[in-house]
PDB file of N, CA and C in Angstrom:
ATOM      1  N   MET A   1       2.393  -9.906   0.774  1.00  0.00           N
ATOM      2  CA  MET A   1       1.565 -10.588   1.563  1.00  0.00           C
ATOM      3  C   MET A   1       0.385 -10.298   1.505  1.00  0.00           C
ATOM      4  N   ALA A   2      -0.456 -11.105   1.476  1.00  0.00           N
ATOM      5  CA  ALA A   2      -2.014 -10.664   1.152  1.00  0.00           C
ATOM      6  C   ALA A   2      -2.530 -10.392   2.645  1.00  0.00           C
ATOM      7  N   LEU A   3      -3.780  -9.852   2.823  1.00  0.00           N
ATOM      8  CA  LEU A   3      -4.477  -9.280   4.013  1.00  0.00           C
ATOM      9  C   LEU A   3      -5.079 -10.261   4.674  1.00  0.00           C
ATOM     10  N   GLU A   4      -5.482 -11.387   3.865  1.00  0.00           N
ATOM     11  CA  GLU A   4      -5.868 -12.349   4.612  1.00  0.00           C
ATOM     12  C   GLU A   4      -4.916 -13.492   5.642  1.00  0.00           C
ATOM     13  N   GLU A   5      -3.517 -12.886   4.940  1.00  0.00           N
ATOM     14  CA  GLU A   5      -2.654 -13.669   5.922  1.00  0.00           C
ATOM     15  C   GLU A   5      -2.255 -13.003   7.227  1.00  0.00           C
ATOM     16  N   PHE A   6      -2.932 -11.802   7.137  1.00  0.00           N
ATOM     17  CA  PHE A   6      -2.732 -11.307   8.637  1.00  0.00           C
ATOM     18  C   PHE A   6      -4.147 -11.590   9.599  1.00  0.00           C
ATOM     19  N   ASN A   7      -3.878 -11.246  10.979  1.00  0.00           N
ATOM     20  CA  ASN A   7      -4.727 -11.257  11.628  1.00  0.00           C
ATOM     21  C   ASN A   7      -5.781 -10.105  11.633  1.00  0.00           C
ATOM     22  N   LYS A   8      -7.215 -10.559  11.720  1.00  0.00           N
ATOM     23  CA  LYS A   8      -8.181  -9.782  11.544  1.00  0.00           C
ATOM     24  C   LYS A   8      -7.803  -8.117  12.548  1.00  0.00           C
ATOM     25  N   ASN A   9      -7.028  -7.822  13.649  1.00  0.00           N
ATOM     26  CA  ASN A   9      -6.984  -7.404  14.749  1.00  0.00           C
ATOM     27  C   ASN A   9      -5.839  -6.560  14.174  1.00  0.00           C
ATOM     28  N   ASP A  10      -5.057  -7.049  12.942  1.00  0.00           N
ATOM     29  CA  ASP A  10      -4.382  -5.962  12.116  1.00  0.00           C
ATOM     30  C   ASP A  10      -4.674  -5.275  11.202  1.00  0.00           C
ATOM     31  N   LEU A  11      -6.202  -5.196  10.754  1.00  0.00           N
ATOM     32  CA  LEU A  11      -6.960  -4.869   9.865  1.00  0.00           C
ATOM     33  C   LEU A  11      -7.542  -3.532  10.348  1.00  0.00           C
ATOM     34  N   GLU A  12      -7.821  -2.209   9.823  1.00  0.00           N
ATOM     35  CA  GLU A  12      -8.932  -1.391   9.717  1.00  0.00           C
ATOM     36  C   GLU A  12      -9.396  -1.055   8.437  1.00  0.00           C
ATOM     37  N   GLU A  13     -10.636  -0.316   9.005  1.00  0.00           N
ATOM     38  CA  GLU A  13     -11.718   0.260   8.010  1.00  0.00           C
ATOM     39  C   GLU A  13     -11.537   1.556   8.334  1.00  0.00           C
ATOM     40  N   THR A  14     -11.507   2.258   7.254  1.00  0.00           N
ATOM     41  CA  THR A  14     -10.864   4.214   7.530  1.00  0.00           C
ATOM     42  C   THR A  14     -12.288   5.016   6.734  1.00  0.00           C
ATOM     43  N   ASN A  15     -12.419   6.127   6.937  1.00  0.00           N
ATOM     44  CA  ASN A  15     -12.902   7.130   6.795  1.00  0.00           C
ATOM     45  C   ASN A  15     -11.873   7.617   5.535  1.00  0.00           C
ATOM     46  N   CYS A  16     -11.901   8.344   4.746  1.00  0.00           N
ATOM     47  CA  CYS A  16     -11.129   9.188   3.676  1.00  0.00           C
ATOM     48  C   CYS A  16      -9.832   9.640   4.312  1.00  0.00           C
ATOM     49  N   PRO A  17      -8.789   9.366   4.356  1.00  0.00           N
ATOM     50  CA  PRO A  17      -7.530   9.986   4.910  1.00  0.00           C
ATOM     51  C   PRO A  17      -7.357  11.600   4.713  1.00  0.00           C
ATOM     52  N   LEU A  18      -8.247  12.231   3.680  1.00  0.00           N
ATOM     53  CA  LEU A  18      -7.581  13.186   3.416  1.00  0.00           C
ATOM     54  C   LEU A  18      -9.054  14.206   3.513  1.00  0.00           C
ATOM     55  N   CYS A  19     -10.193  13.744   3.893  1.00  0.00           N
ATOM     56  CA  CYS A  19     -10.846  14.969   4.641  1.00  0.00           C
ATOM     57  C   CYS A  19     -11.744  14.303   5.753  1.00  0.00           C
ATOM     58  N   GLY A  20     -11.616  12.937   5.937  1.00  0.00           N
ATOM     59  CA  GLY A  20     -12.546  12.480   7.332  1.00  0.00           C
ATOM     60  C   GLY A  20     -13.795  11.831   6.908  1.00  0.00           C
ATOM     61  N   ASP A  21     -14.205  12.383   5.405  1.00  0.00           N
ATOM     62  CA  ASP A  21     -15.646  11.653   5.294  1.00  0.00           C
ATOM     63  C   ASP A  21     -15.958  10.794   4.874  1.00  0.00           C
ATOM     64  N   ASN A  22     -17.122   9.888   5.117  1.00  0.00           N
ATOM     65  CA  ASN A  22     -17.436   8.481   4.916  1.00  0.00           C
ATOM     66  C   ASN A  22     -18.426   8.105   3.697  1.00  0.00           C
ATOM     67  N   SER A  23     -18.634   9.325   3.198  1.00  0.00           N
ATOM     68  CA  SER A  23     -19.467   9.291   1.646  1.00  0.00           C
ATOM     69  C   SER A  23     -18.593   8.681   0.616  1.00  0.00           C
ATOM     70  N   ILE A  24     -18.846   7.394   0.382  1.00  0.00           N
ATOM     71  CA  ILE A  24     -17.564   6.865  -0.434  1.00  0.00           C
ATOM     72  C   ILE A  24     -18.601   5.969  -1.590  1.00  0.00           C
ATOM     73  N   GLU A  25     -17.818   5.440  -2.796  1.00  0.00           N
ATOM     74  CA  GLU A  25     -18.158   4.756  -3.817  1.00  0.00           C
ATOM     75  C   GLU A  25     -16.808   3.887  -4.446  1.00  0.00           C
ATOM     76  N   GLN A  26     -17.040   2.301  -4.597  1.00  0.00           N
ATOM     77  CA  GLN A  26     -16.129   1.703  -4.564  1.00  0.00           C
ATOM     78  C   GLN A  26     -15.886   1.851  -6.152  1.00  0.00           C
ATOM     79  N   VAL A  27     -14.352   1.827  -6.423  1.00  0.00           N
ATOM     80  CA  VAL A  27     -14.188   2.101  -7.704  1.00  0.00           C
ATOM     81  C   VAL A  27     -13.336   0.917  -8.247  1.00  0.00           C
ATOM     82  N   VAL A  28     -12.579   0.080  -7.573  1.00  0.00           N
ATOM     83  CA  VAL A  28     -12.167  -0.990  -8.198  1.00  0.00           C
ATOM     84  C   VAL A  28     -12.045  -2.058  -6.917  1.00  0.00           C
ATOM     85  N   PRO A  29     -12.603  -2.948  -7.174  1.00  0.00           N
ATOM     86  CA  PRO A  29     -12.479  -4.637  -6.296  1.00  0.00           C
ATOM     87  C   PRO A  29     -11.514  -5.042  -6.824  1.00  0.00           C
ATOM     88  N   TYR A  30     -10.524  -5.417  -6.235  1.00  0.00           N
ATOM     89  CA  TYR A  30      -9.649  -6.488  -6.666  1.00  0.00           C
ATOM     90  C   TYR A  30      -9.284  -7.575  -5.457  1.00  0.00           C
ATOM     91  N   GLU A  31      -9.573  -8.762  -5.914  1.00  0.00           N
ATOM     92  CA  GLU A  31      -9.170  -9.567  -4.598  1.00  0.00           C
ATOM     93  C   GLU A  31      -9.817  -9.271  -3.365  1.00  0.00           C
ATOM     94  N   GLN A  32      -8.953  -9.143  -2.053  1.00  0.00           N
ATOM     95  CA  GLN A  32     -10.076  -8.652  -1.045  1.00  0.00           C
ATOM     96  C   GLN A  32      -9.546  -7.463  -0.619  1.00  0.00           C
ATOM     97  N   TYR A  33      -9.092  -6.775  -1.487  1.00  0.00           N
ATOM     98  CA  TYR A  33      -9.024  -5.195  -1.450  1.00  0.00           C
ATOM     99  C   TYR A  33     -10.258  -4.366  -2.082  1.00  0.00           C
ATOM    100  N   SER A  34     -10.289  -3.274  -1.460  1.00  0.00           N
ATOM    101  CA  SER A  34     -11.669  -2.329  -2.538  1.00  0.00           C
ATOM    102  C   SER A  34     -10.588  -0.850  -2.364  1.00  0.00           C
ATOM    103  N   TYR A  35     -10.431  -0.400  -3.504  1.00  0.00           N
ATOM    104  CA  TYR A  35     -10.251   0.997  -3.657  1.00  0.00           C
ATOM    105  C   TYR A  35     -11.564   1.693  -3.782  1.00  0.00           C
ATOM    106  N   LEU A  36     -11.682   2.800  -3.146  1.00  0.00           N
ATOM    107  CA  LEU A  36     -12.847   3.598  -2.635  1.00  0.00           C
ATOM    108  C   LEU A  36     -12.824   4.689  -3.180  1.00  0.00           C
ATOM    109  N   ARG A  37     -13.907   5.726  -3.832  1.00  0.00           N
ATOM    110  CA  ARG A  37     -13.899   7.101  -3.933  1.00  0.00           C
ATOM    111  C   ARG A  37     -14.483   8.128  -2.946  1.00  0.00           C
ATOM    112  N   CYS A  38     -14.059   9.148  -2.276  1.00  0.00           N
ATOM    113  CA  CYS A  38     -14.353   9.981  -1.368  1.00  0.00           C
ATOM    114  C   CYS A  38     -15.414  10.929  -2.368  1.00  0.00           C
ATOM    115  N   LEU A  39     -16.721  10.673  -1.899  1.00  0.00           N
ATOM    116  CA  LEU A  39     -17.471  11.554  -2.698  1.00  0.00           C
ATOM    117  C   LEU A  39     -17.409  12.854  -2.416  1.00  0.00           C
ATOM    118  N   LYS A  40     -16.639  13.242  -1.565  1.00  0.00           N
ATOM    119  CA  LYS A  40     -16.575  14.562  -1.051  1.00  0.00           C
ATOM    120  C   LYS A  40     -15.507  14.967  -1.732  1.00  0.00           C
ATOM    121  N   CYS A  41     -14.338  14.478  -1.446  1.00  0.00           N
ATOM    122  CA  CYS A  41     -13.091  15.684  -1.747  1.00  0.00           C
ATOM    123  C   CYS A  41     -12.151  14.571  -3.250  1.00  0.00           C
ATOM    124  N   GLY A  42     -12.865  13.409  -3.277  1.00  0.00           N
ATOM    125  CA  GLY A  42     -12.644  12.257  -4.713  1.00  0.00           C
ATOM    126  C   GLY A  42     -10.895  11.992  -4.753  1.00  0.00           C
ATOM    127  N   LEU A  43     -10.592  11.667  -3.489  1.00  0.00           N
ATOM    128  CA  LEU A  43      -9.421  11.075  -3.250  1.00  0.00           C
ATOM    129  C   LEU A  43      -9.749   9.537  -3.200  1.00  0.00           C
ATOM    130  N   ILE A  44      -9.061   8.805  -4.079  1.00  0.00           N
ATOM    131  CA  ILE A  44      -8.866   7.069  -3.812  1.00  0.00           C
ATOM    132  C   ILE A  44      -8.172   6.786  -3.143  1.00  0.00           C
ATOM    133  N   TYR A  45      -8.650   5.851  -2.322  1.00  0.00           N
ATOM    134  CA  TYR A  45      -7.641   5.052  -1.521  1.00  0.00           C
ATOM    135  C   TYR A  45      -8.475   3.504  -1.188  1.00  0.00           C
ATOM    136  N   LEU A  46      -7.294   2.995  -0.310  1.00  0.00           N
ATOM    137  CA  LEU A  46      -7.755   1.606  -0.099  1.00  0.00           C
ATOM    138  C   LEU A  46      -8.416   1.290   1.410  1.00  0.00           C
ATOM    139  N   ASN A  47      -9.475   0.668   0.979  1.00  0.00           N
ATOM    140  CA  ASN A  47      -9.869   0.269   2.509  1.00  0.00           C
ATOM    141  C   ASN A  47     -10.252  -1.151   2.446  1.00  0.00           C
ATOM    142  N   THR A  48     -10.307  -2.231   3.315  1.00  0.00           N
ATOM    143  CA  THR A  48      -9.691  -2.161   4.276  1.00  0.00           C
ATOM    144  C   THR A  48      -8.258  -2.333   4.309  1.00  0.00           C
ATOM    145  N   ARG A  49      -7.338  -1.869   5.542  1.00  0.00           N
ATOM    146  CA  ARG A  49      -5.845  -1.739   5.405  1.00  0.00           C
ATOM    147  C   ARG A  49      -5.637  -2.099   6.491  1.00  0.00           C
ATOM    148  N   LEU A  50      -4.111  -2.109   6.619  1.00  0.00           N
ATOM    149  CA  LEU A  50      -3.328  -2.697   7.665  1.00  0.00           C
ATOM    150  C   LEU A  50      -3.614  -1.730   8.560  1.00  0.00           C
ATOM    151  N   LYS A  51      -3.019  -2.194   9.598  1.00  0.00           N
ATOM    152  CA  LYS A  51      -2.916  -0.673  10.719  1.00  0.00           C
ATOM    153  C   LYS A  51      -1.803  -0.357  10.875  1.00  0.00           C
ATOM    154  N   GLU A  52      -1.022   0.950  11.073  1.00  0.00           N
ATOM    155  CA  GLU A  52       0.073   1.614  11.092  1.00  0.00           C
ATOM    156  C   GLU A  52       1.080   0.385  11.850  1.00  0.00           C
ATOM    157  N   LYS A  53       1.080  -0.199  13.282  1.00  0.00           N
ATOM    158  CA  LYS A  53       1.934  -1.002  13.423  1.00  0.00           C
ATOM    159  C   LYS A  53       2.149  -2.252  12.924  1.00  0.00           C
ATOM    160  N   ALA A  54       1.220  -2.996  12.261  1.00  0.00           N
ATOM    161  CA  ALA A  54       1.105  -4.052  11.120  1.00  0.00           C
ATOM    162  C   ALA A  54       1.807  -3.712  10.274  1.00  0.00           C
ATOM    163  N   LEU A  55       2.144  -2.424   9.407  1.00  0.00           N
ATOM    164  CA  LEU A  55       2.803  -2.165   8.546  1.00  0.00           C
ATOM    165  C   LEU A  55       4.416  -2.207   9.002  1.00  0.00           C
ATOM    166  N   THR A  56       4.575  -1.397  10.070  1.00  0.00           N
ATOM    167  CA  THR A  56       5.697  -1.372  10.546  1.00  0.00           C
ATOM    168  C   THR A  56       6.177  -2.941  10.744  1.00  0.00           C
ATOM    169  N   ASP A  57       5.810  -3.327  11.675  1.00  0.00           N
ATOM    170  CA  ASP A  57       5.927  -4.590  11.882  1.00  0.00           C
ATOM    171  C   ASP A  57       6.677  -5.638  10.696  1.00  0.00           C
ATOM    172  N   TYR A  58       5.610  -5.897   9.706  1.00  0.00           N
ATOM    173  CA  TYR A  58       5.808  -6.421   8.664  1.00  0.00           C
ATOM    174  C   TYR A  58       7.353  -5.820   7.975  1.00  0.00           C
ATOM    175  N   TYR A  59       7.214  -4.647   7.800  1.00  0.00           N
ATOM    176  CA  TYR A  59       8.840  -3.974   6.862  1.00  0.00           C
ATOM    177  C   TYR A  59      10.015  -3.855   7.634  1.00  0.00           C
ATOM    178  N   SER A  60       9.529  -4.119   8.442  1.00  0.00           N
ATOM    179  CA  SER A  60      10.999  -4.150   9.695  1.00  0.00           C
ATOM    180  C   SER A  60      11.286  -5.822   9.760  1.00  0.00           C
ATOM    181  N   SER A  61      10.387  -6.719   9.654  1.00  0.00           N
ATOM    182  CA  SER A  61      10.702  -8.179   9.544  1.00  0.00           C
ATOM    183  C   SER A  61      11.656  -8.402   8.700  1.00  0.00           C
ATOM    184  N   GLU A  62      12.466  -9.749   9.234  1.00  0.00           N
ATOM    185  CA  GLU A  62      13.415 -10.527   8.381  1.00  0.00           C
ATOM    186  C   GLU A  62      12.989 -11.013   7.136  1.00  0.00           C
ATOM    187  N   GLU A  63      11.480 -11.565   7.391  1.00  0.00           N
ATOM    188  CA  GLU A  63      10.770 -11.822   6.179  1.00  0.00           C
ATOM    189  C   GLU A  63      10.818 -11.572   4.954  1.00  0.00           C
ATOM    190  N   TYR A  64      10.680 -10.082   5.779  1.00  0.00           N
ATOM    191  CA  TYR A  64      10.424  -9.299   4.165  1.00  0.00           C
ATOM    192  C   TYR A  64      11.627  -8.672   3.276  1.00  0.00           C
ATOM    193  N   TYR A  65      12.646  -8.653   4.160  1.00  0.00           N
ATOM    194  CA  TYR A  65      14.184  -8.762   3.832  1.00  0.00           C
ATOM    195  C   TYR A  65      14.711  -9.464   2.781  1.00  0.00           C
ATOM    196  N   ILE A  66      14.252 -10.911   3.148  1.00  0.00           N
ATOM    197  CA  ILE A  66      14.756 -12.013   2.804  1.00  0.00           C
ATOM    198  C   ILE A  66      13.861 -12.370   1.134  1.00  0.00           C
ATOM    199  N   LYS A  67      12.679 -11.908   1.359  1.00  0.00           N
ATOM    200  CA  LYS A  67      11.544 -11.982   0.058  1.00  0.00           C
ATOM    201  C   LYS A  67      12.245 -10.993  -0.769  1.00  0.00           C
ATOM    202  N   TYR A  68      12.125  -9.842  -0.435  1.00  0.00           N
ATOM    203  CA  TYR A  68      12.525  -8.695  -1.308  1.00  0.00           C
ATOM    204  C   TYR A  68      13.938  -7.965  -1.539  1.00  0.00           C
ATOM    205  N   SER A  69      14.704  -8.894  -1.416  1.00  0.00           N
ATOM    206  CA  SER A  69      16.314  -8.306  -1.225  1.00  0.00           C
ATOM    207  C   SER A  69      16.937  -8.822  -2.886  1.00  0.00           C
ATOM    208  N   ALA A  70      18.071  -9.539  -2.566  1.00  0.00           N
ATOM    209  CA  ALA A  70      18.715 -10.416  -3.490  1.00  0.00           C
ATOM    210  C   ALA A  70      17.775 -10.864  -4.640  1.00  0.00           C
ATOM    211  N   ASP A  71      18.346 -10.660  -5.641  1.00  0.00           N
ATOM    212  CA  ASP A  71      17.680 -11.284  -6.916  1.00  0.00           C
ATOM    213  C   ASP A  71      16.238 -11.561  -6.760  1.00  0.00           C
ATOM    214  N   SER A  72      15.754  -9.931  -6.334  1.00  0.00           N
ATOM    215  CA  SER A  72      13.937  -9.824  -6.655  1.00  0.00           C
ATOM    216  C   SER A  72      13.638  -8.965  -7.670  1.00  0.00           C
ATOM    217  N   GLY A  73      14.734  -8.483  -8.464  1.00  0.00           N
ATOM    218  CA  GLY A  73      14.709  -7.848  -9.175  1.00  0.00           C
ATOM    219  C   GLY A  73      14.876  -6.346  -9.011  1.00  0.00           C
ATOM    220  N   TYR A  74      15.009  -5.657  -7.763  1.00  0.00           N
ATOM    221  CA  TYR A  74      15.928  -4.126  -7.952  1.00  0.00           C
ATOM    222  C   TYR A  74      16.977  -4.344  -8.916  1.00  0.00           C
ATOM    223  N   GLU A  75      17.700  -5.070  -8.874  1.00  0.00           N
ATOM    224  CA  GLU A  75      18.850  -5.174  -9.163  1.00  0.00           C
ATOM    225  C   GLU A  75      18.873  -5.094 -11.326  1.00  0.00           C
ATOM    226  N   MET A  76      17.897  -5.719 -11.618  1.00  0.00           N
ATOM    227  CA  MET A  76      17.701  -5.391 -12.889  1.00  0.00           C
ATOM    228  C   MET A  76      16.972  -4.412 -12.990  1.00  0.00           C
ATOM    229  N   GLN A  77      16.201  -3.691 -12.455  1.00  0.00           N
ATOM    230  CA  GLN A  77      15.982  -2.496 -12.321  1.00  0.00           C
ATOM    231  C   GLN A  77      16.470  -1.433 -12.247  1.00  0.00           C
ATOM    232  N   GLU A  78      17.752  -1.470 -11.066  1.00  0.00           N
ATOM    233  CA  GLU A  78      18.329  -0.657 -10.937  1.00  0.00           C
ATOM    234  C   GLU A  78      19.047   0.879 -12.096  1.00  0.00           C
ATOM    235  N   LYS A  79      19.134   0.209 -13.014  1.00  0.00           N
ATOM    236  CA  LYS A  79      19.801   1.057 -14.119  1.00  0.00           C
ATOM    237  C   LYS A  79      18.653   2.026 -14.565  1.00  0.00           C
ATOM    238  N   ALA A  80      17.583   1.521 -15.082  1.00  0.00           N
ATOM    239  CA  ALA A  80      16.601   2.523 -15.180  1.00  0.00           C
ATOM    240  C   ALA A  80      16.039   3.178 -14.455  1.00  0.00           C
ATOM    241  N   LEU A  81      15.898   2.363 -13.157  1.00  0.00           N
ATOM    242  CA  LEU A  81      15.592   3.644 -11.659  1.00  0.00           C
ATOM    243  C   LEU A  81      16.363   4.624 -11.787  1.00  0.00           C
ATOM    244  N   ARG A  82      17.742   4.336 -11.905  1.00  0.00           N
ATOM    245  CA  ARG A  82      18.559   5.613 -11.299  1.00  0.00           C
ATOM    246  C   ARG A  82      18.616   6.704 -12.690  1.00  0.00           C
ATOM    247  N   ALA A  83      17.934   6.034 -14.017  1.00  0.00           N
ATOM    248  CA  ALA A  83      17.846   6.847 -15.244  1.00  0.00           C
ATOM    249  C   ALA A  83      17.000   8.000 -14.897  1.00  0.00           C
ATOM    250  N   THR A  84      15.597   7.342 -14.382  1.00  0.00           N
ATOM    251  CA  THR A  84      14.509   8.153 -14.398  1.00  0.00           C
ATOM    252  C   THR A  84      14.411   8.839 -13.446  1.00  0.00           C
ATOM    253  N   PHE A  85      14.754   8.364 -11.971  1.00  0.00           N
ATOM    254  CA  PHE A  85      15.356   9.620 -10.827  1.00  0.00           C
ATOM    255  C   PHE A  85      16.358  10.247 -10.711  1.00  0.00           C
ATOM    256  N   ARG A  86      17.099  10.338 -12.296  1.00  0.00           N
ATOM    257  CA  ARG A  86      18.430  11.196 -12.109  1.00  0.00           C
ATOM    258  C   ARG A  86      17.473  12.680 -12.910  1.00  0.00           C
ATOM    259  N   LYS A  87      16.515  12.260 -14.025  1.00  0.00           N
ATOM    260  CA  LYS A  87      16.182  13.160 -14.539  1.00  0.00           C
ATOM    261  C   LYS A  87      15.186  14.263 -13.402  1.00  0.00           C
ATOM    262  N   PHE A  88      14.559  13.642 -12.574  1.00  0.00           N
ATOM    263  CA  PHE A  88      13.584  14.757 -11.379  1.00  0.00           C
ATOM    264  C   PHE A  88      14.538  15.031 -10.674  1.00  0.00           C
ATOM    265  N   LEU A  89      15.990  14.713 -10.118  1.00  0.00           N
ATOM    266  CA  LEU A  89      16.692  15.114  -8.892  1.00  0.00           C
ATOM    267  C   LEU A  89      17.763  16.365  -9.762  1.00  0.00           C
ATOM    268  N   LYS A  90      17.334  16.704 -10.940  1.00  0.00           N
ATOM    269  CA  LYS A  90      17.946  17.810 -11.581  1.00  0.00           C
ATOM    270  C   LYS A  90      17.642  18.999 -11.305  1.00  0.00           C
TER     271      LYS A  90
END
């Protein structure tokens, strides 16, 4: 779901989520998103972003599970994902 499909009240701009500073440079503009680099600590983060409640509502909605469940790709990737995570869990 694209940001423009959400209500503007569901969106927020934020300072660096790691150090709280607001000195930034744009790293990658991508469609309606901006990836910013904090000039103080170097973290790259997404800004404008969805507020926590909007994220929780979206990921707990039936629409999300219908769209991203069966036949959406996980089943096709399951074998590779299991092999990858098995390496990390040893």
